[in-house]
Amino acid sequence: HVFNQVFFEALRVPVENRVGEENAGWTFAKALLEHERLGSARHSEARRKLDRLKRILTGGTGAAASLSGDARWRSRVAQLEMQVRALEYSTMRALERMEETGVVGEFASVMKVKGVAVNQEIDEAIVDAVGPDALAADAAFDGPAAKFLHPGARNSIEARYWFRGPAIAGGSAEVQRGIISKRILGL
């Protein structure tokens, strides 16, 4: 239900219902995929998750509380902050380009690859900070990190960490790297 695949065999569409020229469907689909890929960068989600990580580190108990003063953790959070900020600015640049030219272009593939990587790094940092309390639970999550979860969520830390849907939506990282190598690098 999150990802679906639909096959049409021997489909006939009346000419009056056709969008664009005959046999140009893939061209339209590629343009739509560029928009999906840009959205897959998920810079706003990265910002929210980074803010959650900071709250965990400053207001946490147990292992998370001791991490807030650790120089390696401060450095890790600073690196994540820079990556999120770069992702936000790059997304804005892509949107400005789209507004000026009417197309997103191959830059969407770059944004998708980087955006997914940044989001996964933040998810991993959250799991590392929360420690064993981030593990899956059979019952409703009620550990020390519960105050950082969405109300009523069942262990959303672990669920978000393992949810890799955005990594394949709009084309996997391998597909994006193929687009980048052909259309940007000319390889």
N, C-alpha and C. Protein backbone atom coordinates (compact mmCIF):
# COMPACT_ATOMS: atom_id res chain seq x y z
N HIS A 1 0.81 -1.20 0.00
CA HIS A 1 0.00 0.00 0.00
C HIS A 1 0.85 1.26 0.00
N VAL A 2 2.15 1.17 0.36
CA VAL A 2 3.02 2.33 0.28
C VAL A 2 3.58 2.44 -1.13
N PHE A 3 4.00 1.31 -1.67
CA PHE A 3 4.49 1.27 -3.05
C PHE A 3 3.60 0.32 -3.83
N ASN A 4 3.18 0.76 -4.98
CA ASN A 4 2.31 -0.05 -5.81
C ASN A 4 2.86 -0.11 -7.22
N GLN A 5 2.52 -1.16 -7.90
CA GLN A 5 2.93 -1.32 -9.28
C GLN A 5 1.69 -1.72 -10.07
N VAL A 6 1.47 -1.04 -11.17
CA VAL A 6 0.30 -1.30 -12.00
C VAL A 6 0.77 -1.60 -13.41
N PHE A 7 0.23 -2.65 -13.98
CA PHE A 7 0.58 -3.02 -15.35
C PHE A 7 -0.65 -2.88 -16.23
N PHE A 8 -0.48 -2.26 -17.39
CA PHE A 8 -1.54 -2.17 -18.38
C PHE A 8 -1.07 -2.94 -19.60
N GLU A 9 -1.86 -3.92 -20.00
CA GLU A 9 -1.52 -4.69 -21.19
C GLU A 9 -2.62 -4.50 -22.22
N ALA A 10 -2.19 -4.24 -23.44
CA ALA A 10 -3.12 -4.04 -24.55
C ALA A 10 -4.12 -2.93 -24.24
N LEU A 11 -3.65 -1.89 -23.61
CA LEU A 11 -4.51 -0.77 -23.24
C LEU A 11 -4.70 0.15 -24.44
N ARG A 12 -5.93 0.55 -24.64
CA ARG A 12 -6.24 1.48 -25.73
C ARG A 12 -6.86 2.72 -25.10
N VAL A 13 -6.35 3.87 -25.47
CA VAL A 13 -6.84 5.14 -24.95
C VAL A 13 -7.40 5.94 -26.11
N PRO A 14 -8.61 6.42 -25.98
CA PRO A 14 -9.16 7.26 -27.06
C PRO A 14 -8.29 8.50 -27.27
N VAL A 15 -8.15 8.92 -28.50
CA VAL A 15 -7.30 10.06 -28.84
C VAL A 15 -7.67 11.30 -28.03
N GLU A 16 -8.95 11.52 -27.79
CA GLU A 16 -9.37 12.71 -27.04
C GLU A 16 -8.95 12.67 -25.57
N ASN A 17 -8.57 11.49 -25.05
CA ASN A 17 -8.13 11.34 -23.66
C ASN A 17 -6.61 11.29 -23.52
N ARG A 18 -5.91 11.33 -24.63
CA ARG A 18 -4.46 11.23 -24.62
C ARG A 18 -3.85 12.54 -24.14
N VAL A 19 -2.80 12.43 -23.33
CA VAL A 19 -2.06 13.60 -22.86
C VAL A 19 -0.79 13.68 -23.71
N GLY A 20 -0.64 14.75 -24.46
CA GLY A 20 0.55 14.90 -25.29
C GLY A 20 0.50 14.04 -26.53
N GLU A 21 1.68 13.90 -27.13
CA GLU A 21 1.77 13.13 -28.37
C GLU A 21 1.74 11.63 -28.10
N GLU A 22 1.37 10.88 -29.10
CA GLU A 22 1.36 9.43 -28.99
C GLU A 22 2.78 8.93 -28.74
N ASN A 23 2.90 7.96 -27.85
CA ASN A 23 4.17 7.33 -27.47
C ASN A 23 5.13 8.27 -26.75
N ALA A 24 4.63 9.36 -26.19
CA ALA A 24 5.48 10.30 -25.44
C ALA A 24 5.29 10.14 -23.94
N GLY A 25 4.66 9.06 -23.51
CA GLY A 25 4.36 8.86 -22.10
C GLY A 25 5.59 8.86 -21.21
N TRP A 26 6.66 8.22 -21.66
CA TRP A 26 7.86 8.13 -20.84
C TRP A 26 8.48 9.52 -20.65
N THR A 27 8.39 10.36 -21.65
CA THR A 27 8.89 11.73 -21.53
C THR A 27 8.14 12.48 -20.44
N PHE A 28 6.83 12.33 -20.40
CA PHE A 28 6.03 12.96 -19.35
C PHE A 28 6.35 12.35 -17.98
N ALA A 29 6.50 11.03 -17.95
CA ALA A 29 6.79 10.35 -16.69
C ALA A 29 8.13 10.82 -16.13
N LYS A 30 9.14 11.00 -16.98
CA LYS A 30 10.45 11.45 -16.50
C LYS A 30 10.35 12.85 -15.90
N ALA A 31 9.57 13.72 -16.52
CA ALA A 31 9.41 15.07 -15.98
C ALA A 31 8.73 15.01 -14.60
N LEU A 32 7.72 14.16 -14.46
CA LEU A 32 7.05 14.01 -13.17
C LEU A 32 7.98 13.41 -12.13
N LEU A 33 8.83 12.47 -12.55
CA LEU A 33 9.78 11.86 -11.62
C LEU A 33 10.77 12.89 -11.09
N GLU A 34 11.14 13.87 -11.90
CA GLU A 34 12.05 14.91 -11.42
C GLU A 34 11.43 15.66 -10.25
N HIS A 35 10.14 15.95 -10.33
CA HIS A 35 9.45 16.63 -9.23
C HIS A 35 9.41 15.73 -8.00
N GLU A 36 9.12 14.46 -8.20
CA GLU A 36 9.09 13.51 -7.08
C GLU A 36 10.45 13.41 -6.42
N ARG A 37 11.50 13.37 -7.23
CA ARG A 37 12.86 13.25 -6.69
C ARG A 37 13.24 14.47 -5.87
N LEU A 38 12.88 15.64 -6.35
CA LEU A 38 13.18 16.85 -5.59
C LEU A 38 12.46 16.80 -4.24
N GLY A 39 11.20 16.36 -4.24
CA GLY A 39 10.46 16.22 -2.99
C GLY A 39 11.05 15.16 -2.08
N SER A 40 11.71 14.16 -2.67
CA SER A 40 12.32 13.09 -1.88
C SER A 40 13.54 13.55 -1.10
N ALA A 41 14.03 14.74 -1.39
CA ALA A 41 15.15 15.27 -0.61
C ALA A 41 14.72 15.52 0.84
N ARG A 42 13.44 15.82 1.05
CA ARG A 42 12.82 15.91 2.37
C ARG A 42 13.61 16.79 3.34
N HIS A 43 13.96 18.00 2.91
CA HIS A 43 14.74 18.89 3.77
C HIS A 43 13.97 19.30 5.03
N SER A 44 12.65 19.48 4.92
CA SER A 44 11.86 19.87 6.09
C SER A 44 11.82 18.74 7.12
N GLU A 45 11.70 17.52 6.63
CA GLU A 45 11.71 16.38 7.55
C GLU A 45 13.07 16.26 8.23
N ALA A 46 14.14 16.49 7.48
CA ALA A 46 15.48 16.43 8.06
C ALA A 46 15.62 17.46 9.17
N ARG A 47 15.09 18.66 8.95
CA ARG A 47 15.16 19.72 9.98
C ARG A 47 14.39 19.29 11.22
N ARG A 48 13.19 18.75 11.05
CA ARG A 48 12.39 18.31 12.21
C ARG A 48 13.11 17.21 12.99
N LYS A 49 13.68 16.25 12.26
CA LYS A 49 14.37 15.14 12.94
C LYS A 49 15.64 15.62 13.64
N LEU A 50 16.35 16.57 13.03
CA LEU A 50 17.54 17.11 13.68
C LEU A 50 17.14 17.84 14.97
N ASP A 51 16.06 18.59 14.92
CA ASP A 51 15.57 19.26 16.13
C ASP A 51 15.20 18.23 17.20
N ARG A 52 14.61 17.13 16.79
CA ARG A 52 14.27 16.06 17.75
C ARG A 52 15.55 15.50 18.37
N LEU A 53 16.58 15.28 17.54
CA LEU A 53 17.85 14.77 18.05
C LEU A 53 18.42 15.73 19.09
N LYS A 54 18.37 17.02 18.82
CA LYS A 54 18.89 18.01 19.77
C LYS A 54 18.11 17.97 21.08
N ARG A 55 16.78 17.81 20.99
CA ARG A 55 15.96 17.71 22.21
C ARG A 55 16.31 16.46 23.00
N ILE A 56 16.55 15.36 22.29
CA ILE A 56 16.92 14.12 22.96
C ILE A 56 18.23 14.30 23.71
N LEU A 57 19.18 14.97 23.07
CA LEU A 57 20.50 15.13 23.68
C LEU A 57 20.49 16.12 24.84
N THR A 58 19.65 17.14 24.77
CA THR A 58 19.64 18.14 25.84
C THR A 58 18.65 17.83 26.95
N GLY A 59 17.59 17.10 26.63
CA GLY A 59 16.58 16.84 27.64
C GLY A 59 16.43 15.37 27.97
N GLY A 60 17.32 14.56 27.45
CA GLY A 60 17.21 13.12 27.66
C GLY A 60 17.64 12.69 29.04
N THR A 61 17.37 11.44 29.32
CA THR A 61 17.80 10.84 30.57
C THR A 61 18.70 9.66 30.23
N GLY A 62 19.37 9.14 31.21
CA GLY A 62 20.22 7.98 30.98
C GLY A 62 21.37 8.28 30.04
N ALA A 63 21.59 7.37 29.10
CA ALA A 63 22.73 7.50 28.17
C ALA A 63 22.65 8.77 27.35
N ALA A 64 21.46 9.16 26.90
CA ALA A 64 21.31 10.35 26.06
C ALA A 64 21.72 11.61 26.81
N ALA A 65 21.45 11.68 28.11
CA ALA A 65 21.80 12.87 28.89
C ALA A 65 23.30 13.07 28.94
N SER A 66 24.05 12.00 29.03
CA SER A 66 25.51 12.13 29.12
C SER A 66 26.14 12.48 27.77
N LEU A 67 25.38 12.30 26.68
CA LEU A 67 25.93 12.57 25.36
C LEU A 67 25.99 14.05 25.03
N SER A 68 25.12 14.86 25.62
CA SER A 68 25.04 16.27 25.24
C SER A 68 26.35 17.01 25.48
N GLY A 69 27.15 16.58 26.43
CA GLY A 69 28.42 17.23 26.71
C GLY A 69 29.60 16.58 26.01
N ASP A 70 29.36 15.51 25.30
CA ASP A 70 30.43 14.77 24.62
C ASP A 70 30.87 15.51 23.36
N ALA A 71 32.14 15.77 23.21
CA ALA A 71 32.67 16.52 22.06
C ALA A 71 32.38 15.82 20.73
N ARG A 72 32.45 14.49 20.73
CA ARG A 72 32.17 13.77 19.47
C ARG A 72 30.71 13.94 19.06
N TRP A 73 29.80 13.94 20.03
CA TRP A 73 28.39 14.13 19.71
C TRP A 73 28.12 15.56 19.27
N ARG A 74 28.77 16.52 19.93
CA ARG A 74 28.59 17.92 19.49
C ARG A 74 29.09 18.07 18.05
N SER A 75 30.20 17.43 17.73
CA SER A 75 30.73 17.48 16.36
C SER A 75 29.78 16.79 15.40
N ARG A 76 29.23 15.65 15.80
CA ARG A 76 28.29 14.92 14.93
C ARG A 76 27.06 15.75 14.64
N VAL A 77 26.52 16.39 15.67
CA VAL A 77 25.33 17.23 15.49
C VAL A 77 25.67 18.44 14.62
N ALA A 78 26.85 19.03 14.81
CA ALA A 78 27.25 20.18 13.99
C ALA A 78 27.37 19.77 12.52
N GLN A 79 27.94 18.60 12.26
CA GLN A 79 28.05 18.11 10.88
C GLN A 79 26.66 17.89 10.27
N LEU A 80 25.77 17.31 11.05
CA LEU A 80 24.40 17.11 10.57
C LEU A 80 23.71 18.44 10.31
N GLU A 81 23.93 19.41 11.19
CA GLU A 81 23.35 20.74 11.02
C GLU A 81 23.82 21.36 9.70
N MET A 82 25.10 21.24 9.40
CA MET A 82 25.62 21.79 8.14
C MET A 82 25.01 21.09 6.94
N GLN A 83 24.86 19.77 7.03
CA GLN A 83 24.29 19.03 5.92
C GLN A 83 22.82 19.40 5.70
N VAL A 84 22.08 19.56 6.79
CA VAL A 84 20.67 19.95 6.67
C VAL A 84 20.56 21.35 6.07
N ARG A 85 21.39 22.26 6.54
CA ARG A 85 21.36 23.62 6.02
C ARG A 85 21.70 23.63 4.53
N ALA A 86 22.71 22.88 4.12
CA ALA A 86 23.08 22.79 2.70
C ALA A 86 21.93 22.18 1.89
N LEU A 87 21.26 21.19 2.45
CA LEU A 87 20.12 20.57 1.79
C LEU A 87 18.98 21.57 1.61
N GLU A 88 18.72 22.36 2.65
CA GLU A 88 17.67 23.38 2.56
C GLU A 88 17.99 24.40 1.47
N TYR A 89 19.22 24.92 1.48
CA TYR A 89 19.61 25.92 0.49
C TYR A 89 19.60 25.36 -0.92
N SER A 90 20.07 24.13 -1.07
CA SER A 90 20.08 23.52 -2.40
C SER A 90 18.67 23.28 -2.92
N THR A 91 17.76 22.91 -2.02
CA THR A 91 16.37 22.73 -2.42
C THR A 91 15.79 24.06 -2.89
N MET A 92 16.09 25.12 -2.18
CA MET A 92 15.61 26.45 -2.59
C MET A 92 16.18 26.83 -3.95
N ARG A 93 17.45 26.53 -4.20
CA ARG A 93 18.06 26.81 -5.50
C ARG A 93 17.36 26.03 -6.60
N ALA A 94 17.05 24.78 -6.32
CA ALA A 94 16.36 23.94 -7.32
C ALA A 94 14.97 24.50 -7.62
N LEU A 95 14.28 24.95 -6.57
CA LEU A 95 12.95 25.52 -6.78
C LEU A 95 13.02 26.84 -7.56
N GLU A 96 14.03 27.64 -7.29
CA GLU A 96 14.22 28.89 -8.06
C GLU A 96 14.49 28.57 -9.52
N ARG A 97 15.32 27.56 -9.76
CA ARG A 97 15.62 27.16 -11.14
C ARG A 97 14.35 26.70 -11.84
N MET A 98 13.54 25.92 -11.13
CA MET A 98 12.31 25.43 -11.71
C MET A 98 11.37 26.60 -12.03
N GLU A 99 11.33 27.57 -11.15
CA GLU A 99 10.49 28.74 -11.38
C GLU A 99 10.96 29.53 -12.61
N GLU A 100 12.28 29.63 -12.79
CA GLU A 100 12.84 30.39 -13.92
C GLU A 100 12.73 29.65 -15.25
N THR A 101 13.02 28.33 -15.23
CA THR A 101 13.11 27.57 -16.48
C THR A 101 11.90 26.70 -16.76
N GLY A 102 11.13 26.40 -15.72
CA GLY A 102 9.98 25.51 -15.88
C GLY A 102 10.32 24.03 -15.74
N VAL A 103 11.60 23.71 -15.53
CA VAL A 103 12.01 22.31 -15.35
C VAL A 103 12.88 22.18 -14.11
N VAL A 104 12.85 21.00 -13.53
CA VAL A 104 13.70 20.72 -12.38
C VAL A 104 15.06 20.25 -12.88
N GLY A 105 15.04 19.31 -13.83
CA GLY A 105 16.28 18.82 -14.41
C GLY A 105 16.95 17.74 -13.59
N GLU A 106 18.14 17.39 -14.02
CA GLU A 106 18.88 16.29 -13.40
C GLU A 106 19.36 16.63 -11.99
N PHE A 107 19.34 17.91 -11.62
CA PHE A 107 19.71 18.29 -10.26
C PHE A 107 18.81 17.61 -9.23
N ALA A 108 17.60 17.26 -9.64
CA ALA A 108 16.68 16.55 -8.74
C ALA A 108 17.27 15.22 -8.29
N SER A 109 18.00 14.56 -9.17
CA SER A 109 18.63 13.28 -8.80
C SER A 109 19.70 13.50 -7.74
N VAL A 110 20.48 14.57 -7.88
CA VAL A 110 21.49 14.90 -6.88
C VAL A 110 20.82 15.17 -5.54
N MET A 111 19.75 15.95 -5.57
CA MET A 111 19.04 16.30 -4.35
C MET A 111 18.46 15.06 -3.67
N LYS A 112 17.91 14.15 -4.45
CA LYS A 112 17.32 12.95 -3.88
C LYS A 112 18.37 12.11 -3.19
N VAL A 113 19.50 11.87 -3.87
CA VAL A 113 20.56 11.04 -3.28
C VAL A 113 21.05 11.66 -1.98
N LYS A 114 21.33 12.95 -1.99
CA LYS A 114 21.85 13.61 -0.80
C LYS A 114 20.79 13.72 0.29
N GLY A 115 19.58 14.06 -0.08
CA GLY A 115 18.51 14.19 0.91
C GLY A 115 18.23 12.90 1.64
N VAL A 116 18.17 11.80 0.91
CA VAL A 116 17.93 10.50 1.54
C VAL A 116 19.08 10.16 2.47
N ALA A 117 20.31 10.42 2.03
CA ALA A 117 21.48 10.11 2.87
C ALA A 117 21.46 10.93 4.16
N VAL A 118 21.16 12.20 4.07
CA VAL A 118 21.12 13.06 5.26
C VAL A 118 20.03 12.59 6.22
N ASN A 119 18.86 12.31 5.70
CA ASN A 119 17.76 11.84 6.56
C ASN A 119 18.13 10.53 7.24
N GLN A 120 18.78 9.62 6.52
CA GLN A 120 19.17 8.35 7.12
C GLN A 120 20.25 8.54 8.18
N GLU A 121 21.16 9.49 7.95
CA GLU A 121 22.19 9.77 8.96
C GLU A 121 21.57 10.30 10.25
N ILE A 122 20.56 11.16 10.10
CA ILE A 122 19.90 11.70 11.30
C ILE A 122 19.13 10.59 12.01
N ASP A 123 18.43 9.74 11.25
CA ASP A 123 17.73 8.61 11.86
C ASP A 123 18.70 7.74 12.66
N GLU A 124 19.85 7.48 12.07
CA GLU A 124 20.86 6.65 12.75
C GLU A 124 21.36 7.34 14.01
N ALA A 125 21.57 8.65 13.96
CA ALA A 125 22.02 9.38 15.15
C ALA A 125 20.98 9.32 16.25
N ILE A 126 19.71 9.44 15.88
CA ILE A 126 18.64 9.35 16.89
C ILE A 126 18.65 7.97 17.54
N VAL A 127 18.75 6.94 16.73
CA VAL A 127 18.79 5.58 17.28
C VAL A 127 20.01 5.42 18.19
N ASP A 128 21.17 5.92 17.76
CA ASP A 128 22.39 5.84 18.59
C ASP A 128 22.21 6.59 19.91
N ALA A 129 21.59 7.78 19.86
CA ALA A 129 21.42 8.58 21.07
C ALA A 129 20.46 7.94 22.05
N VAL A 130 19.37 7.39 21.54
CA VAL A 130 18.36 6.79 22.41
C VAL A 130 18.84 5.45 22.95
N GLY A 131 19.69 4.78 22.20
CA GLY A 131 20.25 3.51 22.65
C GLY A 131 19.24 2.38 22.62
N PRO A 132 19.31 1.49 23.60
CA PRO A 132 18.42 0.32 23.59
C PRO A 132 16.94 0.66 23.59
N ASP A 133 16.58 1.84 24.08
CA ASP A 133 15.17 2.23 24.08
C ASP A 133 14.63 2.44 22.67
N ALA A 134 15.51 2.50 21.67
CA ALA A 134 15.06 2.67 20.28
C ALA A 134 14.68 1.34 19.64
N LEU A 135 14.92 0.24 20.33
CA LEU A 135 14.60 -1.07 19.78
C LEU A 135 13.10 -1.28 19.70
N ALA A 136 12.69 -2.15 18.80
CA ALA A 136 11.27 -2.44 18.63
C ALA A 136 10.66 -2.96 19.92
N ALA A 137 9.42 -2.58 20.16
CA ALA A 137 8.72 -3.03 21.35
C ALA A 137 7.39 -3.64 20.94
N ASP A 138 6.98 -4.67 21.66
CA ASP A 138 5.70 -5.29 21.37
C ASP A 138 4.55 -4.44 21.90
N ALA A 139 4.78 -3.78 23.00
CA ALA A 139 3.74 -2.94 23.59
C ALA A 139 4.02 -1.49 23.22
N ALA A 140 3.12 -0.61 23.60
CA ALA A 140 3.33 0.82 23.32
C ALA A 140 4.63 1.26 23.98
N PHE A 141 5.38 2.07 23.29
CA PHE A 141 6.68 2.51 23.78
C PHE A 141 6.52 3.44 24.98
N ASP A 142 7.18 3.10 26.08
CA ASP A 142 7.05 3.94 27.27
C ASP A 142 8.39 4.15 27.96
N GLY A 143 9.49 4.02 27.21
CA GLY A 143 10.82 4.22 27.77
C GLY A 143 11.11 5.69 28.02
N PRO A 144 12.31 6.00 28.48
CA PRO A 144 12.67 7.38 28.80
C PRO A 144 12.58 8.34 27.62
N ALA A 145 12.72 7.84 26.41
CA ALA A 145 12.67 8.73 25.24
C ALA A 145 11.26 8.95 24.72
N ALA A 146 10.25 8.40 25.41
CA ALA A 146 8.87 8.49 24.93
C ALA A 146 8.40 9.93 24.75
N LYS A 147 8.91 10.84 25.56
CA LYS A 147 8.47 12.24 25.44
C LYS A 147 8.89 12.88 24.13
N PHE A 148 9.80 12.25 23.38
CA PHE A 148 10.26 12.80 22.11
C PHE A 148 9.51 12.22 20.92
N LEU A 149 8.58 11.31 21.19
CA LEU A 149 7.83 10.67 20.12
C LEU A 149 6.51 11.38 19.89
N HIS A 150 5.95 11.17 18.72
CA HIS A 150 4.62 11.69 18.40
C HIS A 150 3.63 11.02 19.35
N PRO A 151 2.69 11.78 19.92
CA PRO A 151 1.73 11.17 20.85
C PRO A 151 1.01 9.98 20.23
N GLY A 152 0.98 8.91 20.96
CA GLY A 152 0.29 7.71 20.51
C GLY A 152 1.10 6.84 19.57
N ALA A 153 2.31 7.27 19.21
CA ALA A 153 3.13 6.48 18.28
C ALA A 153 3.67 5.26 18.99
N ARG A 154 3.77 4.18 18.25
CA ARG A 154 4.42 2.98 18.78
C ARG A 154 5.83 2.98 18.25
N ASN A 155 6.77 3.22 19.10
CA ASN A 155 8.18 3.20 18.81
C ASN A 155 8.52 3.74 17.42
N SER A 156 8.15 4.99 17.20
CA SER A 156 8.40 5.57 15.88
C SER A 156 9.88 5.78 15.60
N ILE A 157 10.72 5.80 16.63
CA ILE A 157 12.16 5.92 16.39
C ILE A 157 12.64 4.73 15.58
N GLU A 158 12.33 3.55 16.07
CA GLU A 158 12.77 2.34 15.37
C GLU A 158 12.08 2.22 14.02
N ALA A 159 10.81 2.56 13.97
CA ALA A 159 10.06 2.44 12.71
C ALA A 159 10.64 3.37 11.66
N ARG A 160 10.97 4.62 12.01
CA ARG A 160 11.53 5.56 11.05
C ARG A 160 12.91 5.10 10.59
N TYR A 161 13.68 4.52 11.51
CA TYR A 161 15.02 4.08 11.15
C TYR A 161 14.97 3.01 10.07
N TRP A 162 14.02 2.11 10.20
CA TRP A 162 13.95 1.00 9.24
C TRP A 162 13.11 1.31 8.02
N PHE A 163 12.34 2.40 8.03
CA PHE A 163 11.52 2.75 6.88
C PHE A 163 12.41 3.34 5.80
N ARG A 164 12.66 2.60 4.76
CA ARG A 164 13.58 3.04 3.71
C ARG A 164 12.84 3.36 2.42
N GLY A 165 11.54 3.57 2.49
CA GLY A 165 10.75 3.86 1.31
C GLY A 165 11.27 5.02 0.48
N PRO A 166 11.58 6.17 1.09
CA PRO A 166 12.07 7.30 0.29
C PRO A 166 13.35 6.99 -0.48
N ALA A 167 14.11 5.99 -0.01
CA ALA A 167 15.35 5.64 -0.70
C ALA A 167 15.09 5.03 -2.08
N ILE A 168 13.90 4.45 -2.27
CA ILE A 168 13.62 3.86 -3.58
C ILE A 168 12.52 4.59 -4.35
N ALA A 169 11.79 5.46 -3.68
CA ALA A 169 10.74 6.22 -4.37
C ALA A 169 11.36 7.11 -5.43
N GLY A 170 10.77 7.12 -6.61
CA GLY A 170 11.31 7.95 -7.69
C GLY A 170 12.57 7.39 -8.30
N GLY A 171 12.96 6.20 -7.91
CA GLY A 171 14.17 5.58 -8.43
C GLY A 171 15.21 5.45 -7.33
N SER A 172 15.81 4.29 -7.24
CA SER A 172 16.80 4.03 -6.19
C SER A 172 18.04 4.91 -6.37
N ALA A 173 18.91 4.89 -5.36
CA ALA A 173 20.15 5.66 -5.44
C ALA A 173 20.98 5.23 -6.65
N GLU A 174 20.95 3.94 -6.97
CA GLU A 174 21.70 3.45 -8.13
C GLU A 174 21.16 4.07 -9.43
N VAL A 175 19.84 4.16 -9.53
CA VAL A 175 19.23 4.79 -10.70
C VAL A 175 19.63 6.26 -10.76
N GLN A 176 19.58 6.94 -9.62
CA GLN A 176 19.94 8.37 -9.58
C GLN A 176 21.40 8.58 -9.97
N ARG A 177 22.26 7.70 -9.48
CA ARG A 177 23.69 7.83 -9.84
C ARG A 177 23.91 7.60 -11.33
N GLY A 178 23.12 6.73 -11.92
CA GLY A 178 23.19 6.52 -13.37
C GLY A 178 22.79 7.78 -14.13
N ILE A 179 21.72 8.43 -13.67
CA ILE A 179 21.27 9.68 -14.29
C ILE A 179 22.34 10.75 -14.14
N ILE A 180 22.90 10.86 -12.95
CA ILE A 180 23.93 11.86 -12.69
C ILE A 180 25.15 11.62 -13.58
N SER A 181 25.57 10.37 -13.68
CA SER A 181 26.77 10.07 -14.48
C SER A 181 26.54 10.34 -15.96
N LYS A 182 25.34 10.09 -16.46
CA LYS A 182 25.07 10.32 -17.88
C LYS A 182 24.77 11.78 -18.19
N ARG A 183 23.86 12.38 -17.42
CA ARG A 183 23.35 13.70 -17.79
C ARG A 183 24.16 14.86 -17.23
N ILE A 184 24.88 14.64 -16.14
CA ILE A 184 25.68 15.72 -15.56
C ILE A 184 27.15 15.54 -15.89
N LEU A 185 27.66 14.32 -15.67
CA LEU A 185 29.09 14.08 -15.89
C LEU A 185 29.41 13.66 -17.31
N GLY A 186 28.38 13.26 -18.07
CA GLY A 186 28.60 12.87 -19.46
C GLY A 186 29.37 11.57 -19.63
N LEU A 187 29.25 10.69 -18.67
CA LEU A 187 29.98 9.40 -18.75
C LEU A 187 29.18 8.33 -19.43
